[in-house]
PDB file of N, CA and C in Angstrom:
ATOM      1  N   MET A   1     -79.476-125.979 -41.028  1.00  0.00           N
ATOM      2  CA  MET A   1     -80.397-125.169 -40.251  1.00  0.00           C
ATOM      3  C   MET A   1     -81.575-126.028 -39.832  1.00  0.00           C
ATOM      4  N   ARG A   2     -82.154-125.626 -38.717  1.00  0.00           N
ATOM      5  CA  ARG A   2     -83.296-126.386 -38.185  1.00  0.00           C
ATOM      6  C   ARG A   2     -84.392-125.449 -37.720  1.00  0.00           C
ATOM      7  N   PHE A   3     -85.629-125.900 -37.908  1.00  0.00           N
ATOM      8  CA  PHE A   3     -86.810-125.222 -37.390  1.00  0.00           C
ATOM      9  C   PHE A   3     -87.111-125.846 -36.038  1.00  0.00           C
ATOM     10  N   ILE A   4     -87.269-125.023 -35.013  1.00  0.00           N
ATOM     11  CA  ILE A   4     -87.490-125.502 -33.647  1.00  0.00           C
ATOM     12  C   ILE A   4     -88.850-125.022 -33.162  1.00  0.00           C
ATOM     13  N   ASP A   5     -89.676-125.974 -32.711  1.00  0.00           N
ATOM     14  CA  ASP A   5     -90.951-125.626 -32.098  1.00  0.00           C
ATOM     15  C   ASP A   5     -91.176-126.541 -30.894  1.00  0.00           C
ATOM     16  N   ARG A   6     -92.335-126.437 -30.280  1.00  0.00           N
ATOM     17  CA  ARG A   6     -92.613-127.218 -29.069  1.00  0.00           C
ATOM     18  C   ARG A   6     -92.562-128.721 -29.318  1.00  0.00           C
ATOM     19  N   GLN A   7     -92.946-129.141 -30.518  1.00  0.00           N
ATOM     20  CA  GLN A   7     -92.926-130.566 -30.846  1.00  0.00           C
ATOM     21  C   GLN A   7     -91.517-131.044 -31.205  1.00  0.00           C
ATOM     22  N   HIS A   8     -90.641-130.119 -31.561  1.00  0.00           N
ATOM     23  CA  HIS A   8     -89.285-130.459 -31.985  1.00  0.00           C
ATOM     24  C   HIS A   8     -88.272-129.550 -31.292  1.00  0.00           C
ATOM     25  N   PRO A   9     -88.121-129.676 -29.963  1.00  0.00           N
ATOM     26  CA  PRO A   9     -87.162-128.825 -29.248  1.00  0.00           C
ATOM     27  C   PRO A   9     -85.722-129.233 -29.574  1.00  0.00           C
ATOM     28  N   VAL A  10     -84.797-128.473 -29.081  1.00  0.00           N
ATOM     29  CA  VAL A  10     -83.378-128.751 -29.296  1.00  0.00           C
ATOM     30  C   VAL A  10     -82.703-128.876 -27.929  1.00  0.00           C
ATOM     31  N   SER A  11     -81.716-129.737 -27.837  1.00  0.00           N
ATOM     32  CA  SER A  11     -80.983-129.907 -26.570  1.00  0.00           C
ATOM     33  C   SER A  11     -79.722-129.047 -26.579  1.00  0.00           C
ATOM     34  N   LEU A  12     -79.173-128.832 -25.411  1.00  0.00           N
ATOM     35  CA  LEU A  12     -77.900-128.114 -25.315  1.00  0.00           C
ATOM     36  C   LEU A  12     -76.803-128.853 -26.076  1.00  0.00           C
ATOM     37  N   ALA A  13     -76.822-130.179 -26.022  1.00  0.00           N
ATOM     38  CA  ALA A  13     -75.817-130.969 -26.737  1.00  0.00           C
ATOM     39  C   ALA A  13     -75.927-130.749 -28.247  1.00  0.00           C
ATOM     40  N   GLN A  14     -77.147-130.681 -28.754  1.00  0.00           N
ATOM     41  CA  GLN A  14     -77.336-130.428 -30.183  1.00  0.00           C
ATOM     42  C   GLN A  14     -76.873-129.022 -30.554  1.00  0.00           C
ATOM     43  N   LEU A  15     -77.141-128.059 -29.679  1.00  0.00           N
ATOM     44  CA  LEU A  15     -76.654-126.699 -29.917  1.00  0.00           C
ATOM     45  C   LEU A  15     -75.132-126.673 -29.961  1.00  0.00           C
ATOM     46  N   GLN A  16     -74.523-127.408 -29.046  1.00  0.00           N
ATOM     47  CA  GLN A  16     -73.064-127.447 -29.027  1.00  0.00           C
ATOM     48  C   GLN A  16     -72.515-128.055 -30.312  1.00  0.00           C
ATOM     49  N   ASP A  17     -73.170-129.089 -30.816  1.00  0.00           N
ATOM     50  CA  ASP A  17     -72.750-129.692 -32.088  1.00  0.00           C
ATOM     51  C   ASP A  17     -72.822-128.670 -33.225  1.00  0.00           C
ATOM     52  N   LEU A  18     -73.908-127.902 -33.269  1.00  0.00           N
ATOM     53  CA  LEU A  18     -74.035-126.860 -34.299  1.00  0.00           C
ATOM     54  C   LEU A  18     -72.973-125.779 -34.129  1.00  0.00           C
ATOM     55  N   ALA A  19     -72.721-125.395 -32.902  1.00  0.00           N
ATOM     56  CA  ALA A  19     -71.688-124.387 -32.634  1.00  0.00           C
ATOM     57  C   ALA A  19     -70.327-124.883 -33.099  1.00  0.00           C
ATOM     58  N   ASN A  20     -70.044-126.148 -32.885  1.00  0.00           N
ATOM     59  CA  ASN A  20     -68.772-126.727 -33.317  1.00  0.00           C
ATOM     60  C   ASN A  20     -68.634-126.703 -34.836  1.00  0.00           C
ATOM     61  N   GLU A  21     -69.745-126.857 -35.542  1.00  0.00           N
ATOM     62  CA  GLU A  21     -69.731-126.874 -37.008  1.00  0.00           C
ATOM     63  C   GLU A  21     -69.419-125.513 -37.609  1.00  0.00           C
ATOM     64  N   HIS A  22     -69.938-124.437 -37.004  1.00  0.00           N
ATOM     65  CA  HIS A  22     -69.867-123.130 -37.651  1.00  0.00           C
ATOM     66  C   HIS A  22     -68.981-122.102 -36.956  1.00  0.00           C
ATOM     67  N   PHE A  23     -68.918-122.107 -35.679  1.00  0.00           N
ATOM     68  CA  PHE A  23     -68.277-120.998 -34.968  1.00  0.00           C
ATOM     69  C   PHE A  23     -67.329-121.469 -33.876  1.00  0.00           C
ATOM     70  N   ALA A  24     -66.500-122.445 -34.191  1.00  0.00           N
ATOM     71  CA  ALA A  24     -65.466-122.941 -33.281  1.00  0.00           C
ATOM     72  C   ALA A  24     -66.013-123.265 -31.890  1.00  0.00           C
ATOM     73  N   GLY A  25     -67.259-123.724 -31.834  1.00  0.00           N
ATOM     74  CA  GLY A  25     -67.851-124.127 -30.569  1.00  0.00           C
ATOM     75  C   GLY A  25     -68.385-122.998 -29.718  1.00  0.00           C
ATOM     76  N   GLU A  26     -68.316-121.775 -30.212  1.00  0.00           N
ATOM     77  CA  GLU A  26     -68.678-120.612 -29.411  1.00  0.00           C
ATOM     78  C   GLU A  26     -70.169-120.282 -29.402  1.00  0.00           C
ATOM     79  N   LEU A  27     -70.820-120.331 -30.580  1.00  0.00           N
ATOM     80  CA  LEU A  27     -72.200-119.848 -30.640  1.00  0.00           C
ATOM     81  C   LEU A  27     -72.962-120.484 -31.788  1.00  0.00           C
ATOM     82  N   VAL A  28     -74.277-120.323 -31.710  1.00  0.00           N
ATOM     83  CA  VAL A  28     -75.197-120.732 -32.772  1.00  0.00           C
ATOM     84  C   VAL A  28     -76.056-119.524 -33.104  1.00  0.00           C
ATOM     85  N   LYS A  29     -76.156-119.201 -34.385  1.00  0.00           N
ATOM     86  CA  LYS A  29     -77.049-118.131 -34.828  1.00  0.00           C
ATOM     87  C   LYS A  29     -78.484-118.641 -34.715  1.00  0.00           C
ATOM     88  N   ALA A  30     -79.360-117.804 -34.192  1.00  0.00           N
ATOM     89  CA  ALA A  30     -80.762-118.184 -34.042  1.00  0.00           C
ATOM     90  C   ALA A  30     -81.636-116.972 -34.338  1.00  0.00           C
ATOM     91  N   VAL A  31     -82.837-117.248 -34.799  1.00  0.00           N
ATOM     92  CA  VAL A  31     -83.840-116.204 -35.025  1.00  0.00           C
ATOM     93  C   VAL A  31     -85.131-116.688 -34.376  1.00  0.00           C
ATOM     94  N   VAL A  32     -85.715-115.818 -33.555  1.00  0.00           N
ATOM     95  CA  VAL A  32     -86.920-116.158 -32.797  1.00  0.00           C
ATOM     96  C   VAL A  32     -88.114-115.403 -33.369  1.00  0.00           C
ATOM     97  N   ASP A  33     -89.215-116.128 -33.567  1.00  0.00           N
ATOM     98  CA  ASP A  33     -90.489-115.520 -33.957  1.00  0.00           C
ATOM     99  C   ASP A  33     -91.283-115.322 -32.676  1.00  0.00           C
ATOM    100  N   ILE A  34     -91.377-114.069 -32.231  1.00  0.00           N
ATOM    101  CA  ILE A  34     -92.023-113.805 -30.946  1.00  0.00           C
ATOM    102  C   ILE A  34     -93.540-113.933 -31.014  1.00  0.00           C
ATOM    103  N   GLU A  35     -94.100-113.955 -32.196  1.00  0.00           N
ATOM    104  CA  GLU A  35     -95.547-114.137 -32.345  1.00  0.00           C
ATOM    105  C   GLU A  35     -95.926-115.609 -32.288  1.00  0.00           C
ATOM    106  N   LYS A  36     -95.191-116.457 -32.998  1.00  0.00           N
ATOM    107  CA  LYS A  36     -95.509-117.880 -33.077  1.00  0.00           C
ATOM    108  C   LYS A  36     -94.826-118.717 -32.002  1.00  0.00           C
ATOM    109  N   GLY A  37     -93.822-118.167 -31.328  1.00  0.00           N
ATOM    110  CA  GLY A  37     -93.129-118.923 -30.292  1.00  0.00           C
ATOM    111  C   GLY A  37     -92.242-120.027 -30.836  1.00  0.00           C
ATOM    112  N   VAL A  38     -91.648-119.788 -31.990  1.00  0.00           N
ATOM    113  CA  VAL A  38     -90.763-120.763 -32.625  1.00  0.00           C
ATOM    114  C   VAL A  38     -89.433-120.086 -32.926  1.00  0.00           C
ATOM    115  N   MET A  39     -88.448-120.891 -33.339  1.00  0.00           N
ATOM    116  CA  MET A  39     -87.185-120.300 -33.755  1.00  0.00           C
ATOM    117  C   MET A  39     -86.503-121.181 -34.786  1.00  0.00           C
ATOM    118  N   GLY A  40     -85.592-120.576 -35.487  1.00  0.00           N
ATOM    119  CA  GLY A  40     -84.728-121.286 -36.410  1.00  0.00           C
ATOM    120  C   GLY A  40     -83.312-121.173 -35.883  1.00  0.00           C
ATOM    121  N   ILE A  41     -82.515-122.208 -36.096  1.00  0.00           N
ATOM    122  CA  ILE A  41     -81.139-122.189 -35.620  1.00  0.00           C
ATOM    123  C   ILE A  41     -80.207-122.688 -36.717  1.00  0.00           C
ATOM    124  N   GLY A  42     -78.948-122.305 -36.590  1.00  0.00           N
ATOM    125  CA  GLY A  42     -77.925-122.775 -37.513  1.00  0.00           C
ATOM    126  C   GLY A  42     -77.637-121.747 -38.588  1.00  0.00           C
ATOM    127  N   GLY A  43     -76.842-122.137 -39.548  1.00  0.00           N
ATOM    128  CA  GLY A  43     -76.475-121.226 -40.619  1.00  0.00           C
ATOM    129  C   GLY A  43     -75.322-120.328 -40.215  1.00  0.00           C
ATOM    130  N   SER A  44     -74.744-119.696 -41.206  1.00  0.00           N
ATOM    131  CA  SER A  44     -73.607-118.828 -40.932  1.00  0.00           C
ATOM    132  C   SER A  44     -74.015-117.374 -40.717  1.00  0.00           C
ATOM    133  N   MET A  45     -75.240-117.024 -41.122  1.00  0.00           N
ATOM    134  CA  MET A  45     -75.744-115.666 -40.913  1.00  0.00           C
ATOM    135  C   MET A  45     -77.196-115.719 -40.448  1.00  0.00           C
ATOM    136  N   HIS A  46     -77.580-114.703 -39.662  1.00  0.00           N
ATOM    137  CA  HIS A  46     -78.973-114.637 -39.218  1.00  0.00           C
ATOM    138  C   HIS A  46     -79.922-114.553 -40.406  1.00  0.00           C
ATOM    139  N   ALA A  47     -79.508-113.890 -41.477  1.00  0.00           N
ATOM    140  CA  ALA A  47     -80.371-113.752 -42.654  1.00  0.00           C
ATOM    141  C   ALA A  47     -80.743-115.110 -43.244  1.00  0.00           C
ATOM    142  N   ASP A  48     -79.829-116.076 -43.169  1.00  0.00           N
ATOM    143  CA  ASP A  48     -80.143-117.427 -43.645  1.00  0.00           C
ATOM    144  C   ASP A  48     -81.277-118.040 -42.827  1.00  0.00           C
ATOM    145  N   VAL A  49     -81.235-117.812 -41.523  1.00  0.00           N
ATOM    146  CA  VAL A  49     -82.245-118.374 -40.634  1.00  0.00           C
ATOM    147  C   VAL A  49     -83.577-117.647 -40.823  1.00  0.00           C
ATOM    148  N   VAL A  50     -83.526-116.360 -41.099  1.00  0.00           N
ATOM    149  CA  VAL A  50     -84.750-115.604 -41.408  1.00  0.00           C
ATOM    150  C   VAL A  50     -85.457-116.243 -42.589  1.00  0.00           C
ATOM    151  N   ALA A  51     -84.703-116.583 -43.627  1.00  0.00           N
ATOM    152  CA  ALA A  51     -85.302-117.203 -44.818  1.00  0.00           C
ATOM    153  C   ALA A  51     -86.027-118.502 -44.458  1.00  0.00           C
ATOM    154  N   LEU A  52     -85.429-119.293 -43.576  1.00  0.00           N
ATOM    155  CA  LEU A  52     -86.068-120.535 -43.117  1.00  0.00           C
ATOM    156  C   LEU A  52     -87.407-120.241 -42.447  1.00  0.00           C
ATOM    157  N   LEU A  53     -87.440-119.237 -41.576  1.00  0.00           N
ATOM    158  CA  LEU A  53     -88.681-118.917 -40.865  1.00  0.00           C
ATOM    159  C   LEU A  53     -89.718-118.280 -41.789  1.00  0.00           C
ATOM    160  N   LEU A  54     -89.282-117.501 -42.756  1.00  0.00           N
ATOM    161  CA  LEU A  54     -90.238-116.938 -43.716  1.00  0.00           C
ATOM    162  C   LEU A  54     -90.905-118.050 -44.526  1.00  0.00           C
ATOM    163  N   GLU A  55     -90.165-119.114 -44.805  1.00  0.00           N
ATOM    164  CA  GLU A  55     -90.760-120.278 -45.480  1.00  0.00           C
ATOM    165  C   GLU A  55     -91.830-120.941 -44.612  1.00  0.00           C
ATOM    166  N   GLN A  56     -91.707-120.782 -43.292  1.00  0.00           N
ATOM    167  CA  GLN A  56     -92.685-121.338 -42.354  1.00  0.00           C
ATOM    168  C   GLN A  56     -93.808-120.336 -42.056  1.00  0.00           C
ATOM    169  N   ARG A  57     -93.889-119.297 -42.861  1.00  0.00           N
ATOM    170  CA  ARG A  57     -94.939-118.278 -42.789  1.00  0.00           C
ATOM    171  C   ARG A  57     -94.818-117.341 -41.591  1.00  0.00           C
ATOM    172  N   SER A  58     -93.619-117.136 -41.117  1.00  0.00           N
ATOM    173  CA  SER A  58     -93.393-116.105 -40.109  1.00  0.00           C
ATOM    174  C   SER A  58     -93.429-114.748 -40.790  1.00  0.00           C
ATOM    175  N   ALA A  59     -93.745-113.715 -40.019  1.00  0.00           N
ATOM    176  CA  ALA A  59     -93.765-112.345 -40.528  1.00  0.00           C
ATOM    177  C   ALA A  59     -92.491-111.628 -40.071  1.00  0.00           C
ATOM    178  N   GLN A  60     -91.846-110.942 -40.986  1.00  0.00           N
ATOM    179  CA  GLN A  60     -90.573-110.277 -40.712  1.00  0.00           C
ATOM    180  C   GLN A  60     -90.574-109.422 -39.433  1.00  0.00           C
ATOM    181  N   PRO A  61     -91.596-108.616 -39.158  1.00  0.00           N
ATOM    182  CA  PRO A  61     -91.550-107.772 -37.955  1.00  0.00           C
ATOM    183  C   PRO A  61     -91.487-108.558 -36.644  1.00  0.00           C
ATOM    184  N   ASN A  62     -91.834-109.841 -36.682  1.00  0.00           N
ATOM    185  CA  ASN A  62     -91.822-110.669 -35.466  1.00  0.00           C
ATOM    186  C   ASN A  62     -90.509-111.422 -35.271  1.00  0.00           C
ATOM    187  N   LEU A  63     -89.561-111.271 -36.186  1.00  0.00           N
ATOM    188  CA  LEU A  63     -88.325-112.051 -36.153  1.00  0.00           C
ATOM    189  C   LEU A  63     -87.182-111.235 -35.563  1.00  0.00           C
ATOM    190  N   TRP A  64     -86.521-111.834 -34.564  1.00  0.00           N
ATOM    191  CA  TRP A  64     -85.418-111.173 -33.873  1.00  0.00           C
ATOM    192  C   TRP A  64     -84.215-112.103 -33.823  1.00  0.00           C
ATOM    193  N   GLY A  65     -83.056-111.560 -34.162  1.00  0.00           N
ATOM    194  CA  GLY A  65     -81.836-112.352 -34.204  1.00  0.00           C
ATOM    195  C   GLY A  65     -81.097-112.363 -32.874  1.00  0.00           C
ATOM    196  N   ILE A  66     -80.636-113.543 -32.510  1.00  0.00           N
ATOM    197  CA  ILE A  66     -79.851-113.725 -31.285  1.00  0.00           C
ATOM    198  C   ILE A  66     -78.728-114.715 -31.570  1.00  0.00           C
ATOM    199  N   ASN A  67     -77.812-114.803 -30.645  1.00  0.00           N
ATOM    200  CA  ASN A  67     -76.802-115.853 -30.652  1.00  0.00           C
ATOM    201  C   ASN A  67     -77.007-116.675 -29.394  1.00  0.00           C
ATOM    202  N   LEU A  68     -76.933-117.980 -29.520  1.00  0.00           N
ATOM    203  CA  LEU A  68     -77.008-118.874 -28.371  1.00  0.00           C
ATOM    204  C   LEU A  68     -75.600-119.377 -28.098  1.00  0.00           C
ATOM    205  N   ARG A  69     -75.154-119.212 -26.875  1.00  0.00           N
ATOM    206  CA  ARG A  69     -73.801-119.597 -26.480  1.00  0.00           C
ATOM    207  C   ARG A  69     -73.906-120.744 -25.471  1.00  0.00           C
ATOM    208  N   PRO A  70     -73.824-121.995 -25.959  1.00  0.00           N
ATOM    209  CA  PRO A  70     -74.068-123.150 -25.092  1.00  0.00           C
ATOM    210  C   PRO A  70     -73.135-123.275 -23.897  1.00  0.00           C
ATOM    211  N   ASN A  71     -71.933-122.710 -23.969  1.00  0.00           N
ATOM    212  CA  ASN A  71     -70.971-122.845 -22.870  1.00  0.00           C
ATOM    213  C   ASN A  71     -70.786-121.578 -22.065  1.00  0.00           C
ATOM    214  N   ASP A  72     -71.673-120.636 -22.236  1.00  0.00           N
ATOM    215  CA  ASP A  72     -71.509-119.336 -21.587  1.00  0.00           C
ATOM    216  C   ASP A  72     -72.615-119.118 -20.559  1.00  0.00           C
ATOM    217  N   GLU A  73     -72.259-118.489 -19.470  1.00  0.00           N
ATOM    218  CA  GLU A  73     -73.252-118.156 -18.448  1.00  0.00           C
ATOM    219  C   GLU A  73     -74.334-117.241 -19.026  1.00  0.00           C
ATOM    220  N   GLU A  74     -73.928-116.317 -19.886  1.00  0.00           N
ATOM    221  CA  GLU A  74     -74.871-115.469 -20.620  1.00  0.00           C
ATOM    222  C   GLU A  74     -75.276-116.221 -21.882  1.00  0.00           C
ATOM    223  N   PHE A  75     -76.192-117.154 -21.759  1.00  0.00           N
ATOM    224  CA  PHE A  75     -76.578-118.077 -22.820  1.00  0.00           C
ATOM    225  C   PHE A  75     -77.122-117.363 -24.056  1.00  0.00           C
ATOM    226  N   ILE A  76     -77.919-116.310 -23.856  1.00  0.00           N
ATOM    227  CA  ILE A  76     -78.530-115.583 -24.965  1.00  0.00           C
ATOM    228  C   ILE A  76     -77.809-114.250 -25.142  1.00  0.00           C
ATOM    229  N   GLU A  77     -77.375-114.010 -26.369  1.00  0.00           N
ATOM    230  CA  GLU A  77     -76.741-112.743 -26.726  1.00  0.00           C
ATOM    231  C   GLU A  77     -77.639-112.054 -27.749  1.00  0.00           C
ATOM    232  N   PHE A  78     -78.091-110.863 -27.423  1.00  0.00           N
ATOM    233  CA  PHE A  78     -78.968-110.103 -28.314  1.00  0.00           C
ATOM    234  C   PHE A  78     -78.096-109.273 -29.254  1.00  0.00           C
ATOM    235  N   ASP A  79     -77.688-109.862 -30.375  1.00  0.00           N
ATOM    236  CA  ASP A  79     -76.798-109.167 -31.294  1.00  0.00           C
ATOM    237  C   ASP A  79     -76.974-109.710 -32.702  1.00  0.00           C
ATOM    238  N   SER A  80     -77.556-108.892 -33.578  1.00  0.00           N
ATOM    239  CA  SER A  80     -77.730-109.292 -34.968  1.00  0.00           C
ATOM    240  C   SER A  80     -78.030-108.072 -35.828  1.00  0.00           C
ATOM    241  N   MET A  81     -77.475-108.091 -37.019  1.00  0.00           N
ATOM    242  CA  MET A  81     -77.763-107.012 -37.970  1.00  0.00           C
ATOM    243  C   MET A  81     -79.258-106.947 -38.311  1.00  0.00           C
ATOM    244  N   ILE A  82     -79.956-108.078 -38.265  1.00  0.00           N
ATOM    245  CA  ILE A  82     -81.384-108.054 -38.633  1.00  0.00           C
ATOM    246  C   ILE A  82     -82.223-107.286 -37.617  1.00  0.00           C
ATOM    247  N   ASN A  83     -81.659-107.000 -36.448  1.00  0.00           N
ATOM    248  CA  ASN A  83     -82.403-106.286 -35.412  1.00  0.00           C
ATOM    249  C   ASN A  83     -82.420-104.775 -35.625  1.00  0.00           C
ATOM    250  N   ILE A  84     -81.620-104.266 -36.545  1.00  0.00           N
ATOM    251  CA  ILE A  84     -81.613-102.824 -36.804  1.00  0.00           C
ATOM    252  C   ILE A  84     -82.884-102.489 -37.571  1.00  0.00           C
ATOM    253  N   ARG A  85     -83.828-101.854 -36.857  1.00  0.00           N
ATOM    254  CA  ARG A  85     -85.156-101.549 -37.418  1.00  0.00           C
ATOM    255  C   ARG A  85     -85.651-100.207 -36.912  1.00  0.00           C
ATOM    256  N   PRO A  86     -85.234 -99.150 -37.519  1.00  0.00           N
ATOM    257  CA  PRO A  86     -85.704 -97.833 -37.067  1.00  0.00           C
ATOM    258  C   PRO A  86     -87.221 -97.704 -37.062  1.00  0.00           C
ATOM    259  N   THR A  87     -87.906 -98.384 -37.995  1.00  0.00           N
ATOM    260  CA  THR A  87     -89.368 -98.281 -38.050  1.00  0.00           C
ATOM    261  C   THR A  87     -90.040 -98.954 -36.855  1.00  0.00           C
ATOM    262  N   GLN A  88     -89.299 -99.838 -36.148  1.00  0.00           N
ATOM    263  CA  GLN A  88     -89.816-100.483 -34.941  1.00  0.00           C
ATOM    264  C   GLN A  88     -89.097 -99.953 -33.695  1.00  0.00           C
ATOM    265  N   ASN A  89     -88.497 -98.773 -33.817  1.00  0.00           N
ATOM    266  CA  ASN A  89     -87.773 -98.127 -32.718  1.00  0.00           C
ATOM    267  C   ASN A  89     -86.635 -98.972 -32.173  1.00  0.00           C
ATOM    268  N   ASN A  90     -86.004 -99.755 -33.020  1.00  0.00           N
ATOM    269  CA  ASN A  90     -84.823-100.523 -32.616  1.00  0.00           C
ATOM    270  C   ASN A  90     -83.688-100.093 -33.546  1.00  0.00           C
ATOM    271  N   ARG A  91     -82.814 -99.266 -33.013  1.00  0.00           N
ATOM    272  CA  ARG A  91     -81.777 -98.642 -33.835  1.00  0.00           C
ATOM    273  C   ARG A  91     -80.400 -99.282 -33.679  1.00  0.00           C
ATOM    274  N   SER A  92     -80.338-100.405 -33.005  1.00  0.00           N
ATOM    275  CA  SER A  92     -79.047-101.061 -32.800  1.00  0.00           C
ATOM    276  C   SER A  92     -79.141-102.538 -33.177  1.00  0.00           C
ATOM    277  N   ARG A  93     -78.002-103.220 -33.110  1.00  0.00           N
ATOM    278  CA  ARG A  93     -77.961-104.660 -33.372  1.00  0.00           C
ATOM    279  C   ARG A  93     -78.578-105.444 -32.217  1.00  0.00           C
ATOM    280  N   GLY A  94     -78.727-104.825 -31.070  1.00  0.00           N
ATOM    281  CA  GLY A  94     -79.330-105.477 -29.914  1.00  0.00           C
ATOM    282  C   GLY A  94     -80.849-105.462 -30.008  1.00  0.00           C
ATOM    283  N   VAL A  95     -81.484-105.973 -28.979  1.00  0.00           N
ATOM    284  CA  VAL A  95     -82.942-105.881 -28.848  1.00  0.00           C
ATOM    285  C   VAL A  95     -83.184-104.899 -27.715  1.00  0.00           C
ATOM    286  N   GLU A  96     -83.604-103.694 -28.067  1.00  0.00           N
ATOM    287  CA  GLU A  96     -83.688-102.613 -27.095  1.00  0.00           C
ATOM    288  C   GLU A  96     -84.912-102.688 -26.190  1.00  0.00           C
ATOM    289  N   ASP A  97     -85.991-103.265 -26.672  1.00  0.00           N
ATOM    290  CA  ASP A  97     -87.234-103.345 -25.911  1.00  0.00           C
ATOM    291  C   ASP A  97     -87.157-104.508 -24.919  1.00  0.00           C
ATOM    292  N   GLU A  98     -87.230-104.191 -23.642  1.00  0.00           N
ATOM    293  CA  GLU A  98     -87.116-105.224 -22.601  1.00  0.00           C
ATOM    294  C   GLU A  98     -88.262-106.229 -22.657  1.00  0.00           C
ATOM    295  N   LYS A  99     -89.437-105.803 -23.081  1.00  0.00           N
ATOM    296  CA  LYS A  99     -90.560-106.728 -23.216  1.00  0.00           C
ATOM    297  C   LYS A  99     -90.240-107.784 -24.283  1.00  0.00           C
ATOM    298  N   ILE A 100     -89.684-107.359 -25.392  1.00  0.00           N
ATOM    299  CA  ILE A 100     -89.309-108.312 -26.451  1.00  0.00           C
ATOM    300  C   ILE A 100     -88.190-109.221 -25.952  1.00  0.00           C
ATOM    301  N   GLN A 101     -87.238-108.676 -25.214  1.00  0.00           N
ATOM    302  CA  GLN A 101     -86.177-109.516 -24.638  1.00  0.00           C
ATOM    303  C   GLN A 101     -86.772-110.611 -23.749  1.00  0.00           C
ATOM    304  N   ARG A 102     -87.745-110.238 -22.917  1.00  0.00           N
ATOM    305  CA  ARG A 102     -88.389-111.235 -22.035  1.00  0.00           C
ATOM    306  C   ARG A 102     -89.109-112.300 -22.867  1.00  0.00           C
ATOM    307  N   GLN A 103     -89.791-111.883 -23.923  1.00  0.00           N
ATOM    308  CA  GLN A 103     -90.477-112.842 -24.797  1.00  0.00           C
ATOM    309  C   GLN A 103     -89.465-113.814 -25.410  1.00  0.00           C
ATOM    310  N   ILE A 104     -88.372-113.292 -25.890  1.00  0.00           N
ATOM    311  CA  ILE A 104     -87.335-114.136 -26.496  1.00  0.00           C
ATOM    312  C   ILE A 104     -86.791-115.119 -25.469  1.00  0.00           C
ATOM    313  N   ARG A 105     -86.469-114.636 -24.279  1.00  0.00           N
ATOM    314  CA  ARG A 105     -85.944-115.523 -23.226  1.00  0.00           C
ATOM    315  C   ARG A 105     -86.939-116.646 -22.899  1.00  0.00           C
ATOM    316  N   ALA A 106     -88.209-116.307 -22.806  1.00  0.00           N
ATOM    317  CA  ALA A 106     -89.223-117.320 -22.482  1.00  0.00           C
ATOM    318  C   ALA A 106     -89.351-118.354 -23.595  1.00  0.00           C
ATOM    319  N   ILE A 107     -89.309-117.922 -24.826  1.00  0.00           N
ATOM    320  CA  ILE A 107     -89.414-118.860 -25.951  1.00  0.00           C
ATOM    321  C   ILE A 107     -88.202-119.772 -25.988  1.00  0.00           C
ATOM    322  N   VAL A 108     -87.012-119.213 -25.835  1.00  0.00           N
ATOM    323  CA  VAL A 108     -85.793-120.025 -25.834  1.00  0.00           C
ATOM    324  C   VAL A 108     -85.831-121.022 -24.692  1.00  0.00           C
ATOM    325  N   ALA A 109     -86.254-120.580 -23.510  1.00  0.00           N
ATOM    326  CA  ALA A 109     -86.317-121.501 -22.357  1.00  0.00           C
ATOM    327  C   ALA A 109     -87.261-122.673 -22.620  1.00  0.00           C
ATOM    328  N   GLU A 110     -88.317-122.407 -23.359  1.00  0.00           N
ATOM    329  CA  GLU A 110     -89.290-123.460 -23.678  1.00  0.00           C
ATOM    330  C   GLU A 110     -88.781-124.418 -24.752  1.00  0.00           C
ATOM    331  N   LEU A 111     -87.971-123.917 -25.680  1.00  0.00           N
ATOM    332  CA  LEU A 111     -87.567-124.712 -26.830  1.00  0.00           C
ATOM    333  C   LEU A 111     -86.201-125.386 -26.701  1.00  0.00           C
ATOM    334  N   VAL A 112     -85.432-125.009 -25.692  1.00  0.00           N
ATOM    335  CA  VAL A 112     -84.112-125.601 -25.480  1.00  0.00           C
ATOM    336  C   VAL A 112     -84.145-126.427 -24.208  1.00  0.00           C
ATOM    337  N   SER A 113     -83.931-127.724 -24.363  1.00  0.00           N
ATOM    338  CA  SER A 113     -83.896-128.604 -23.196  1.00  0.00           C
ATOM    339  C   SER A 113     -82.457-128.762 -22.727  1.00  0.00           C
ATOM    340  N   ASP A 114     -82.290-129.000 -21.463  1.00  0.00           N
ATOM    341  CA  ASP A 114     -80.925-129.164 -20.948  1.00  0.00           C
ATOM    342  C   ASP A 114     -80.501-130.627 -20.970  1.00  0.00           C
ATOM    343  N   ALA A 115     -81.249-131.463 -21.689  1.00  0.00           N
ATOM    344  CA  ALA A 115     -80.912-132.898 -21.778  1.00  0.00           C
ATOM    345  C   ALA A 115     -79.755-133.120 -22.731  1.00  0.00           C
TER     346      ALA A 115
END
C-alpha cells in the first residue's frame, strides 16, 4: 500500500503494476481523504487502505472508497463497502453525493499523473 499526496503522486504505469499484483490487472483499491486531498492505494480491501490513512491522521468521515481502473474509460469507480454510511446520508456502496464525487475526481486528477 502507498500513501499518495501532492509531493508523492502516482503514475498510471504504477497503478497498472499494483492492479497486476492484486486484481488481475483490472483495478486498484483506493481511499480518498476529501478534506486533506490525499489518498491511499493498494491492498486487497478498502478497509486496509483506510487503516493506512488513519495512521496519517485522516478522519473517518472524510474517507471514501473507490476503485481505480487504469485500462478503463471509466477510470474511477465509486464502489466500496466503506461508503455505506446512513449517518452521512450515503446508504449504498457508491458515493451518492455529487459534490463529494466531484471532490474525489479532482483529487484523483491531481494525484495521478499520466506519465
